[in-house]
Amino acid sequence: MEMLCGLQVFSLSQDVWSASGKAPIQNYVVQMIPGERPGNFNQVMMELGATVCRKTKPLCYESPLQLQCLVFTKNCIEICPPKKSQRNRVDIELFVLLL
């Protein structure tokens, strides 16, 4: 099933924060990394994520990848990336007696 947001690049229907959701993304990115000077590619991607494609208040109109970005072209910026699901917390009271 194709999703409405940036996940449609991969046509993912599973949770992107799970191991099964991360695997297709990682496989795609590994194929994109050039064989020559992969460190430069990694640095550019980190810089893009830190300055333009930020988690909060992204600067999409300044992105050099606007035309390739499905989040931008589908105008679903406010819902991407999807929020990480919260784990259910269990409160446990422990009593310890030290001798």
PDB file of N, CA and C in Angstrom:
ATOM      1  N   MET A   1       0.840  -1.175   0.000  1.00  0.00           N
ATOM      2  CA  MET A   1       0.000   0.000   0.000  1.00  0.00           C
ATOM      3  C   MET A   1       0.887   1.241   0.000  1.00  0.00           C
ATOM      4  N   GLU A   2       0.618   2.148  -0.878  1.00  0.00           N
ATOM      5  CA  GLU A   2       1.399   3.379  -0.973  1.00  0.00           C
ATOM      6  C   GLU A   2       0.908   4.379   0.054  1.00  0.00           C
ATOM      7  N   MET A   3       1.842   4.997   0.756  1.00  0.00           N
ATOM      8  CA  MET A   3       1.470   5.937   1.805  1.00  0.00           C
ATOM      9  C   MET A   3       1.437   7.348   1.244  1.00  0.00           C
ATOM     10  N   LEU A   4       0.878   8.272   1.981  1.00  0.00           N
ATOM     11  CA  LEU A   4       0.671   9.629   1.497  1.00  0.00           C
ATOM     12  C   LEU A   4       1.875  10.540   1.677  1.00  0.00           C
ATOM     13  N   CYS A   5       2.865  10.099   2.338  1.00  0.00           N
ATOM     14  CA  CYS A   5       3.966  11.003   2.676  1.00  0.00           C
ATOM     15  C   CYS A   5       5.257  10.536   2.024  1.00  0.00           C
ATOM     16  N   GLY A   6       6.389  10.974   2.556  1.00  0.00           N
ATOM     17  CA  GLY A   6       7.690  10.659   1.993  1.00  0.00           C
ATOM     18  C   GLY A   6       7.995   9.174   1.982  1.00  0.00           C
ATOM     19  N   LEU A   7       7.235   8.402   2.751  1.00  0.00           N
ATOM     20  CA  LEU A   7       7.450   6.971   2.774  1.00  0.00           C
ATOM     21  C   LEU A   7       7.114   6.336   1.441  1.00  0.00           C
ATOM     22  N   GLN A   8       6.369   7.037   0.603  1.00  0.00           N
ATOM     23  CA  GLN A   8       5.994   6.463  -0.670  1.00  0.00           C
ATOM     24  C   GLN A   8       7.192   6.265  -1.590  1.00  0.00           C
ATOM     25  N   VAL A   9       8.297   6.911  -1.287  1.00  0.00           N
ATOM     26  CA  VAL A   9       9.520   6.647  -2.053  1.00  0.00           C
ATOM     27  C   VAL A   9       9.823   5.160  -2.002  1.00  0.00           C
ATOM     28  N   PHE A  10       9.570   4.562  -0.857  1.00  0.00           N
ATOM     29  CA  PHE A  10       9.854   3.150  -0.651  1.00  0.00           C
ATOM     30  C   PHE A  10       8.592   2.299  -0.649  1.00  0.00           C
ATOM     31  N   SER A  11       7.416   2.909  -0.746  1.00  0.00           N
ATOM     32  CA  SER A  11       6.124   2.214  -0.641  1.00  0.00           C
ATOM     33  C   SER A  11       6.058   1.381   0.632  1.00  0.00           C
ATOM     34  N   LEU A  12       6.439   1.987   1.718  1.00  0.00           N
ATOM     35  CA  LEU A  12       6.439   1.293   2.999  1.00  0.00           C
ATOM     36  C   LEU A  12       5.080   1.412   3.667  1.00  0.00           C
ATOM     37  N   SER A  13       4.630   0.327   4.234  1.00  0.00           N
ATOM     38  CA  SER A  13       3.412   0.390   5.031  1.00  0.00           C
ATOM     39  C   SER A  13       3.716   0.085   6.491  1.00  0.00           C
ATOM     40  N   GLN A  14       4.919  -0.393   6.773  1.00  0.00           N
ATOM     41  CA  GLN A  14       5.262  -0.694   8.151  1.00  0.00           C
ATOM     42  C   GLN A  14       5.859   0.532   8.844  1.00  0.00           C
ATOM     43  N   ASP A  15       6.025   0.415  10.132  1.00  0.00           N
ATOM     44  CA  ASP A  15       6.571   1.481  10.953  1.00  0.00           C
ATOM     45  C   ASP A  15       8.026   1.742  10.566  1.00  0.00           C
ATOM     46  N   VAL A  16       8.351   2.978  10.186  1.00  0.00           N
ATOM     47  CA  VAL A  16       9.716   3.297   9.751  1.00  0.00           C
ATOM     48  C   VAL A  16      10.706   3.268  10.895  1.00  0.00           C
ATOM     49  N   TRP A  17      10.225   3.263  12.121  1.00  0.00           N
ATOM     50  CA  TRP A  17      11.125   3.232  13.277  1.00  0.00           C
ATOM     51  C   TRP A  17      11.473   1.805  13.680  1.00  0.00           C
ATOM     52  N   SER A  18      10.793   0.814  13.120  1.00  0.00           N
ATOM     53  CA  SER A  18      11.081  -0.582  13.445  1.00  0.00           C
ATOM     54  C   SER A  18      12.235  -1.072  12.572  1.00  0.00           C
ATOM     55  N   ALA A  19      12.807  -2.196  12.954  1.00  0.00           N
ATOM     56  CA  ALA A  19      13.909  -2.772  12.176  1.00  0.00           C
ATOM     57  C   ALA A  19      13.448  -3.124  10.765  1.00  0.00           C
ATOM     58  N   SER A  20      12.221  -3.665  10.640  1.00  0.00           N
ATOM     59  CA  SER A  20      11.724  -4.039   9.312  1.00  0.00           C
ATOM     60  C   SER A  20      11.419  -2.810   8.462  1.00  0.00           C
ATOM     61  N   GLY A  21      11.116  -1.688   9.088  1.00  0.00           N
ATOM     62  CA  GLY A  21      10.869  -0.452   8.357  1.00  0.00           C
ATOM     63  C   GLY A  21      12.156   0.249   7.952  1.00  0.00           C
ATOM     64  N   LYS A  22      13.192   0.110   8.773  1.00  0.00           N
ATOM     65  CA  LYS A  22      14.479   0.751   8.477  1.00  0.00           C
ATOM     66  C   LYS A  22      15.258   0.027   7.382  1.00  0.00           C
ATOM     67  N   ALA A  23      15.077  -1.273   7.272  1.00  0.00           N
ATOM     68  CA  ALA A  23      15.867  -2.069   6.322  1.00  0.00           C
ATOM     69  C   ALA A  23      15.730  -1.602   4.881  1.00  0.00           C
ATOM     70  N   PRO A  24      14.521  -1.387   4.326  1.00  0.00           N
ATOM     71  CA  PRO A  24      14.450  -0.944   2.934  1.00  0.00           C
ATOM     72  C   PRO A  24      15.033   0.454   2.730  1.00  0.00           C
ATOM     73  N   ILE A  25      14.904   1.301   3.732  1.00  0.00           N
ATOM     74  CA  ILE A  25      15.484   2.643   3.640  1.00  0.00           C
ATOM     75  C   ILE A  25      17.002   2.543   3.594  1.00  0.00           C
ATOM     76  N   GLN A  26      17.567   1.722   4.474  1.00  0.00           N
ATOM     77  CA  GLN A  26      19.018   1.560   4.505  1.00  0.00           C
ATOM     78  C   GLN A  26      19.523   0.957   3.203  1.00  0.00           C
ATOM     79  N   ASN A  27      18.819  -0.025   2.668  1.00  0.00           N
ATOM     80  CA  ASN A  27      19.230  -0.636   1.398  1.00  0.00           C
ATOM     81  C   ASN A  27      19.239   0.397   0.270  1.00  0.00           C
ATOM     82  N   TYR A  28      18.234   1.249   0.228  1.00  0.00           N
ATOM     83  CA  TYR A  28      18.157   2.291  -0.796  1.00  0.00           C
ATOM     84  C   TYR A  28      19.322   3.275  -0.664  1.00  0.00           C
ATOM     85  N   VAL A  29      19.578   3.701   0.558  1.00  0.00           N
ATOM     86  CA  VAL A  29      20.647   4.680   0.785  1.00  0.00           C
ATOM     87  C   VAL A  29      22.010   4.076   0.461  1.00  0.00           C
ATOM     88  N   VAL A  30      22.220   2.826   0.822  1.00  0.00           N
ATOM     89  CA  VAL A  30      23.496   2.166   0.522  1.00  0.00           C
ATOM     90  C   VAL A  30      23.743   2.154  -0.982  1.00  0.00           C
ATOM     91  N   GLN A  31      22.705   1.980  -1.782  1.00  0.00           N
ATOM     92  CA  GLN A  31      22.849   1.989  -3.238  1.00  0.00           C
ATOM     93  C   GLN A  31      23.169   3.384  -3.772  1.00  0.00           C
ATOM     94  N   MET A  32      22.745   4.416  -3.044  1.00  0.00           N
ATOM     95  CA  MET A  32      22.993   5.791  -3.481  1.00  0.00           C
ATOM     96  C   MET A  32      24.421   6.255  -3.212  1.00  0.00           C
ATOM     97  N   ILE A  33      25.078   5.670  -2.221  1.00  0.00           N
ATOM     98  CA  ILE A  33      26.404   6.122  -1.814  1.00  0.00           C
ATOM     99  C   ILE A  33      27.400   5.830  -2.939  1.00  0.00           C
ATOM    100  N   PRO A  34      28.084   6.857  -3.411  1.00  0.00           N
ATOM    101  CA  PRO A  34      29.053   6.634  -4.498  1.00  0.00           C
ATOM    102  C   PRO A  34      30.263   5.851  -4.004  1.00  0.00           C
ATOM    103  N   GLY A  35      30.842   5.071  -4.886  1.00  0.00           N
ATOM    104  CA  GLY A  35      32.026   4.296  -4.530  1.00  0.00           C
ATOM    105  C   GLY A  35      33.243   5.171  -4.288  1.00  0.00           C
ATOM    106  N   GLU A  36      33.273   6.303  -4.958  1.00  0.00           N
ATOM    107  CA  GLU A  36      34.392   7.227  -4.814  1.00  0.00           C
ATOM    108  C   GLU A  36      34.026   8.323  -3.811  1.00  0.00           C
ATOM    109  N   ARG A  37      34.796   8.472  -2.794  1.00  0.00           N
ATOM    110  CA  ARG A  37      34.621   9.500  -1.756  1.00  0.00           C
ATOM    111  C   ARG A  37      33.257   9.426  -1.063  1.00  0.00           C
ATOM    112  N   PRO A  38      32.915   8.278  -0.494  1.00  0.00           N
ATOM    113  CA  PRO A  38      31.622   8.138   0.179  1.00  0.00           C
ATOM    114  C   PRO A  38      31.493   9.042   1.399  1.00  0.00           C
ATOM    115  N   GLY A  39      32.607   9.410   2.004  1.00  0.00           N
ATOM    116  CA  GLY A  39      32.582  10.303   3.162  1.00  0.00           C
ATOM    117  C   GLY A  39      32.011  11.664   2.810  1.00  0.00           C
ATOM    118  N   ASN A  40      32.312  12.153   1.617  1.00  0.00           N
ATOM    119  CA  ASN A  40      31.762  13.446   1.181  1.00  0.00           C
ATOM    120  C   ASN A  40      30.243  13.367   1.047  1.00  0.00           C
ATOM    121  N   PHE A  41      29.753  12.269   0.498  1.00  0.00           N
ATOM    122  CA  PHE A  41      28.307  12.068   0.371  1.00  0.00           C
ATOM    123  C   PHE A  41      27.655  12.066   1.757  1.00  0.00           C
ATOM    124  N   ASN A  42      28.244  11.324   2.683  1.00  0.00           N
ATOM    125  CA  ASN A  42      27.696  11.264   4.033  1.00  0.00           C
ATOM    126  C   ASN A  42      27.678  12.641   4.687  1.00  0.00           C
ATOM    127  N   GLN A  43      28.737  13.400   4.499  1.00  0.00           N
ATOM    128  CA  GLN A  43      28.810  14.736   5.078  1.00  0.00           C
ATOM    129  C   GLN A  43      27.739  15.651   4.490  1.00  0.00           C
ATOM    130  N   VAL A  44      27.526  15.566   3.196  1.00  0.00           N
ATOM    131  CA  VAL A  44      26.498  16.383   2.546  1.00  0.00           C
ATOM    132  C   VAL A  44      25.115  16.016   3.079  1.00  0.00           C
ATOM    133  N   MET A  45      24.833  14.728   3.227  1.00  0.00           N
ATOM    134  CA  MET A  45      23.533  14.294   3.733  1.00  0.00           C
ATOM    135  C   MET A  45      23.313  14.756   5.172  1.00  0.00           C
ATOM    136  N   MET A  46      24.350  14.681   5.993  1.00  0.00           N
ATOM    137  CA  MET A  46      24.224  15.139   7.378  1.00  0.00           C
ATOM    138  C   MET A  46      24.001  16.647   7.435  1.00  0.00           C
ATOM    139  N   GLU A  47      24.702  17.370   6.596  1.00  0.00           N
ATOM    140  CA  GLU A  47      24.548  18.823   6.549  1.00  0.00           C
ATOM    141  C   GLU A  47      23.149  19.210   6.061  1.00  0.00           C
ATOM    142  N   LEU A  48      22.655  18.518   5.063  1.00  0.00           N
ATOM    143  CA  LEU A  48      21.311  18.775   4.557  1.00  0.00           C
ATOM    144  C   LEU A  48      20.266  18.516   5.649  1.00  0.00           C
ATOM    145  N   GLY A  49      20.436  17.429   6.374  1.00  0.00           N
ATOM    146  CA  GLY A  49      19.512  17.105   7.452  1.00  0.00           C
ATOM    147  C   GLY A  49      19.585  18.088   8.608  1.00  0.00           C
ATOM    148  N   ALA A  50      20.763  18.609   8.884  1.00  0.00           N
ATOM    149  CA  ALA A  50      20.919  19.531  10.012  1.00  0.00           C
ATOM    150  C   ALA A  50      20.479  20.949   9.683  1.00  0.00           C
ATOM    151  N   THR A  51      20.579  21.348   8.430  1.00  0.00           N
ATOM    152  CA  THR A  51      20.303  22.752   8.094  1.00  0.00           C
ATOM    153  C   THR A  51      19.017  22.978   7.311  1.00  0.00           C
ATOM    154  N   VAL A  52      18.585  22.025   6.502  1.00  0.00           N
ATOM    155  CA  VAL A  52      17.416  22.225   5.639  1.00  0.00           C
ATOM    156  C   VAL A  52      16.292  21.255   6.000  1.00  0.00           C
ATOM    157  N   CYS A  53      16.569  19.983   5.965  1.00  0.00           N
ATOM    158  CA  CYS A  53      15.541  18.949   6.200  1.00  0.00           C
ATOM    159  C   CYS A  53      15.459  18.616   7.682  1.00  0.00           C
ATOM    160  N   ARG A  54      15.243  19.642   8.472  1.00  0.00           N
ATOM    161  CA  ARG A  54      15.209  19.478   9.919  1.00  0.00           C
ATOM    162  C   ARG A  54      13.903  18.840  10.356  1.00  0.00           C
ATOM    163  N   LYS A  55      13.933  18.214  11.536  1.00  0.00           N
ATOM    164  CA  LYS A  55      12.737  17.564  12.074  1.00  0.00           C
ATOM    165  C   LYS A  55      11.659  18.590  12.381  1.00  0.00           C
ATOM    166  N   THR A  56      12.050  19.715  12.945  1.00  0.00           N
ATOM    167  CA  THR A  56      11.084  20.783  13.216  1.00  0.00           C
ATOM    168  C   THR A  56      11.438  21.995  12.361  1.00  0.00           C
ATOM    169  N   LYS A  57      10.446  22.604  11.803  1.00  0.00           N
ATOM    170  CA  LYS A  57      10.586  23.779  10.946  1.00  0.00           C
ATOM    171  C   LYS A  57      11.590  23.569   9.808  1.00  0.00           C
ATOM    172  N   PRO A  58      11.335  22.582   8.948  1.00  0.00           N
ATOM    173  CA  PRO A  58      12.243  22.373   7.815  1.00  0.00           C
ATOM    174  C   PRO A  58      12.192  23.561   6.853  1.00  0.00           C
ATOM    175  N   LEU A  59      13.284  23.786   6.174  1.00  0.00           N
ATOM    176  CA  LEU A  59      13.402  24.895   5.224  1.00  0.00           C
ATOM    177  C   LEU A  59      13.275  24.352   3.803  1.00  0.00           C
ATOM    178  N   CYS A  60      12.122  23.791   3.514  1.00  0.00           N
ATOM    179  CA  CYS A  60      11.907  23.119   2.233  1.00  0.00           C
ATOM    180  C   CYS A  60      12.106  24.038   1.031  1.00  0.00           C
ATOM    181  N   TYR A  61      11.747  25.299   1.174  1.00  0.00           N
ATOM    182  CA  TYR A  61      11.870  26.220   0.037  1.00  0.00           C
ATOM    183  C   TYR A  61      13.321  26.558  -0.276  1.00  0.00           C
ATOM    184  N   GLU A  62      14.242  26.190   0.606  1.00  0.00           N
ATOM    185  CA  GLU A  62      15.664  26.415   0.366  1.00  0.00           C
ATOM    186  C   GLU A  62      16.386  25.147  -0.073  1.00  0.00           C
ATOM    187  N   SER A  63      15.662  24.043  -0.141  1.00  0.00           N
ATOM    188  CA  SER A  63      16.281  22.758  -0.440  1.00  0.00           C
ATOM    189  C   SER A  63      16.665  22.643  -1.907  1.00  0.00           C
ATOM    190  N   PRO A  64      17.874  22.135  -2.169  1.00  0.00           N
ATOM    191  CA  PRO A  64      18.273  21.889  -3.555  1.00  0.00           C
ATOM    192  C   PRO A  64      17.583  20.643  -4.130  1.00  0.00           C
ATOM    193  N   LEU A  65      16.879  19.895  -3.283  1.00  0.00           N
ATOM    194  CA  LEU A  65      16.224  18.660  -3.713  1.00  0.00           C
ATOM    195  C   LEU A  65      14.706  18.777  -3.757  1.00  0.00           C
ATOM    196  N   GLN A  66      14.186  19.987  -3.876  1.00  0.00           N
ATOM    197  CA  GLN A  66      12.733  20.194  -3.886  1.00  0.00           C
ATOM    198  C   GLN A  66      12.008  19.312  -4.892  1.00  0.00           C
ATOM    199  N   LEU A  67      12.497  19.265  -6.099  1.00  0.00           N
ATOM    200  CA  LEU A  67      11.798  18.534  -7.159  1.00  0.00           C
ATOM    201  C   LEU A  67      11.808  17.025  -6.941  1.00  0.00           C
ATOM    202  N   GLN A  68      12.796  16.516  -6.215  1.00  0.00           N
ATOM    203  CA  GLN A  68      12.880  15.083  -5.950  1.00  0.00           C
ATOM    204  C   GLN A  68      12.205  14.708  -4.637  1.00  0.00           C
ATOM    205  N   CYS A  69      11.828  15.687  -3.834  1.00  0.00           N
ATOM    206  CA  CYS A  69      11.293  15.429  -2.495  1.00  0.00           C
ATOM    207  C   CYS A  69       9.778  15.253  -2.540  1.00  0.00           C
ATOM    208  N   LEU A  70       9.325  14.032  -2.292  1.00  0.00           N
ATOM    209  CA  LEU A  70       7.890  13.759  -2.321  1.00  0.00           C
ATOM    210  C   LEU A  70       7.158  14.415  -1.158  1.00  0.00           C
ATOM    211  N   VAL A  71       7.833  14.592  -0.047  1.00  0.00           N
ATOM    212  CA  VAL A  71       7.209  15.281   1.077  1.00  0.00           C
ATOM    213  C   VAL A  71       6.872  16.713   0.671  1.00  0.00           C
ATOM    214  N   PHE A  72       7.778  17.355  -0.023  1.00  0.00           N
ATOM    215  CA  PHE A  72       7.558  18.735  -0.471  1.00  0.00           C
ATOM    216  C   PHE A  72       6.505  18.788  -1.580  1.00  0.00           C
ATOM    217  N   THR A  73       6.638  17.943  -2.577  1.00  0.00           N
ATOM    218  CA  THR A  73       5.722  18.013  -3.713  1.00  0.00           C
ATOM    219  C   THR A  73       4.298  17.591  -3.352  1.00  0.00           C
ATOM    220  N   LYS A  74       4.146  16.698  -2.371  1.00  0.00           N
ATOM    221  CA  LYS A  74       2.815  16.276  -1.933  1.00  0.00           C
ATOM    222  C   LYS A  74       2.288  17.161  -0.796  1.00  0.00           C
ATOM    223  N   ASN A  75       3.100  18.130  -0.379  1.00  0.00           N
ATOM    224  CA  ASN A  75       2.733  19.078   0.673  1.00  0.00           C
ATOM    225  C   ASN A  75       2.282  18.372   1.957  1.00  0.00           C
ATOM    226  N   CYS A  76       3.102  17.447   2.419  1.00  0.00           N
ATOM    227  CA  CYS A  76       2.801  16.760   3.676  1.00  0.00           C
ATOM    228  C   CYS A  76       3.946  16.945   4.663  1.00  0.00           C
ATOM    229  N   ILE A  77       4.514  18.123   4.650  1.00  0.00           N
ATOM    230  CA  ILE A  77       5.667  18.447   5.475  1.00  0.00           C
ATOM    231  C   ILE A  77       5.358  18.297   6.958  1.00  0.00           C
ATOM    232  N   GLU A  78       4.146  18.709   7.354  1.00  0.00           N
ATOM    233  CA  GLU A  78       3.816  18.709   8.778  1.00  0.00           C
ATOM    234  C   GLU A  78       3.647  17.317   9.381  1.00  0.00           C
ATOM    235  N   ILE A  79       3.496  16.298   8.558  1.00  0.00           N
ATOM    236  CA  ILE A  79       3.340  14.947   9.110  1.00  0.00           C
ATOM    237  C   ILE A  79       4.555  14.058   8.853  1.00  0.00           C
ATOM    238  N   CYS A  80       5.614  14.608   8.331  1.00  0.00           N
ATOM    239  CA  CYS A  80       6.824  13.831   8.077  1.00  0.00           C
ATOM    240  C   CYS A  80       8.003  14.486   8.774  1.00  0.00           C
ATOM    241  N   PRO A  81       8.885  13.769   9.388  1.00  0.00           N
ATOM    242  CA  PRO A  81       8.834  12.324   9.536  1.00  0.00           C
ATOM    243  C   PRO A  81       7.733  11.920  10.501  1.00  0.00           C
ATOM    244  N   PRO A  82       7.241  10.676  10.375  1.00  0.00           N
ATOM    245  CA  PRO A  82       6.200  10.238  11.298  1.00  0.00           C
ATOM    246  C   PRO A  82       6.742  10.175  12.715  1.00  0.00           C
ATOM    247  N   LYS A  83       5.886  10.464  13.653  1.00  0.00           N
ATOM    248  CA  LYS A  83       6.308  10.455  15.047  1.00  0.00           C
ATOM    249  C   LYS A  83       6.621   9.032  15.485  1.00  0.00           C
ATOM    250  N   LYS A  84       7.634   8.937  16.316  1.00  0.00           N
ATOM    251  CA  LYS A  84       8.018   7.648  16.867  1.00  0.00           C
ATOM    252  C   LYS A  84       6.980   7.239  17.900  1.00  0.00           C
ATOM    253  N   SER A  85       6.516   6.006  17.828  1.00  0.00           N
ATOM    254  CA  SER A  85       5.514   5.561  18.786  1.00  0.00           C
ATOM    255  C   SER A  85       6.144   5.450  20.175  1.00  0.00           C
ATOM    256  N   GLN A  86       5.376   5.847  21.155  1.00  0.00           N
ATOM    257  CA  GLN A  86       5.847   5.805  22.535  1.00  0.00           C
ATOM    258  C   GLN A  86       5.713   4.383  23.077  1.00  0.00           C
ATOM    259  N   ARG A  87       6.721   3.974  23.788  1.00  0.00           N
ATOM    260  CA  ARG A  87       6.645   2.668  24.434  1.00  0.00           C
ATOM    261  C   ARG A  87       5.752   2.784  25.657  1.00  0.00           C
ATOM    262  N   ASN A  88       5.039   1.725  25.928  1.00  0.00           N
ATOM    263  CA  ASN A  88       4.235   1.704  27.144  1.00  0.00           C
ATOM    264  C   ASN A  88       5.159   1.598  28.346  1.00  0.00           C
ATOM    265  N   ARG A  89       4.978   2.521  29.259  1.00  0.00           N
ATOM    266  CA  ARG A  89       5.825   2.514  30.452  1.00  0.00           C
ATOM    267  C   ARG A  89       5.155   1.702  31.544  1.00  0.00           C
ATOM    268  N   VAL A  90       5.962   0.989  32.249  1.00  0.00           N
ATOM    269  CA  VAL A  90       5.476   0.214  33.378  1.00  0.00           C
ATOM    270  C   VAL A  90       6.209   0.731  34.610  1.00  0.00           C
ATOM    271  N   ASP A  91       5.438   1.211  35.575  1.00  0.00           N
ATOM    272  CA  ASP A  91       6.035   1.687  36.818  1.00  0.00           C
ATOM    273  C   ASP A  91       6.156   0.505  37.769  1.00  0.00           C
ATOM    274  N   ILE A  92       7.349   0.304  38.284  1.00  0.00           N
ATOM    275  CA  ILE A  92       7.612  -0.794  39.217  1.00  0.00           C
ATOM    276  C   ILE A  92       8.192  -0.190  40.480  1.00  0.00           C
ATOM    277  N   GLU A  93       7.615  -0.560  41.606  1.00  0.00           N
ATOM    278  CA  GLU A  93       8.160  -0.117  42.879  1.00  0.00           C
ATOM    279  C   GLU A  93       9.022  -1.250  43.427  1.00  0.00           C
ATOM    280  N   LEU A  94      10.233  -0.914  43.803  1.00  0.00           N
ATOM    281  CA  LEU A  94      11.151  -1.900  44.378  1.00  0.00           C
ATOM    282  C   LEU A  94      11.511  -1.459  45.782  1.00  0.00           C
ATOM    283  N   PHE A  95      11.556  -2.411  46.656  1.00  0.00           N
ATOM    284  CA  PHE A  95      11.999  -2.152  48.015  1.00  0.00           C
ATOM    285  C   PHE A  95      13.251  -2.979  48.230  1.00  0.00           C
ATOM    286  N   VAL A  96      14.280  -2.330  48.717  1.00  0.00           N
ATOM    287  CA  VAL A  96      15.560  -3.011  48.897  1.00  0.00           C
ATOM    288  C   VAL A  96      15.958  -2.906  50.362  1.00  0.00           C
ATOM    289  N   LEU A  97      16.403  -3.974  50.909  1.00  0.00           N
ATOM    290  CA  LEU A  97      16.896  -3.999  52.276  1.00  0.00           C
ATOM    291  C   LEU A  97      18.382  -4.330  52.214  1.00  0.00           C
ATOM    292  N   LEU A  98      19.188  -3.419  52.642  1.00  0.00           N
ATOM    293  CA  LEU A  98      20.645  -3.644  52.653  1.00  0.00           C
ATOM    294  C   LEU A  98      21.088  -3.923  54.084  1.00  0.00           C
ATOM    295  N   LEU A  99      21.882  -4.960  54.245  1.00  0.00           N
ATOM    296  CA  LEU A  99      22.415  -5.325  55.549  1.00  0.00           C
ATOM    297  C   LEU A  99      23.863  -5.004  55.634  1.00  0.00           C
TER     298      LEU A  99
END
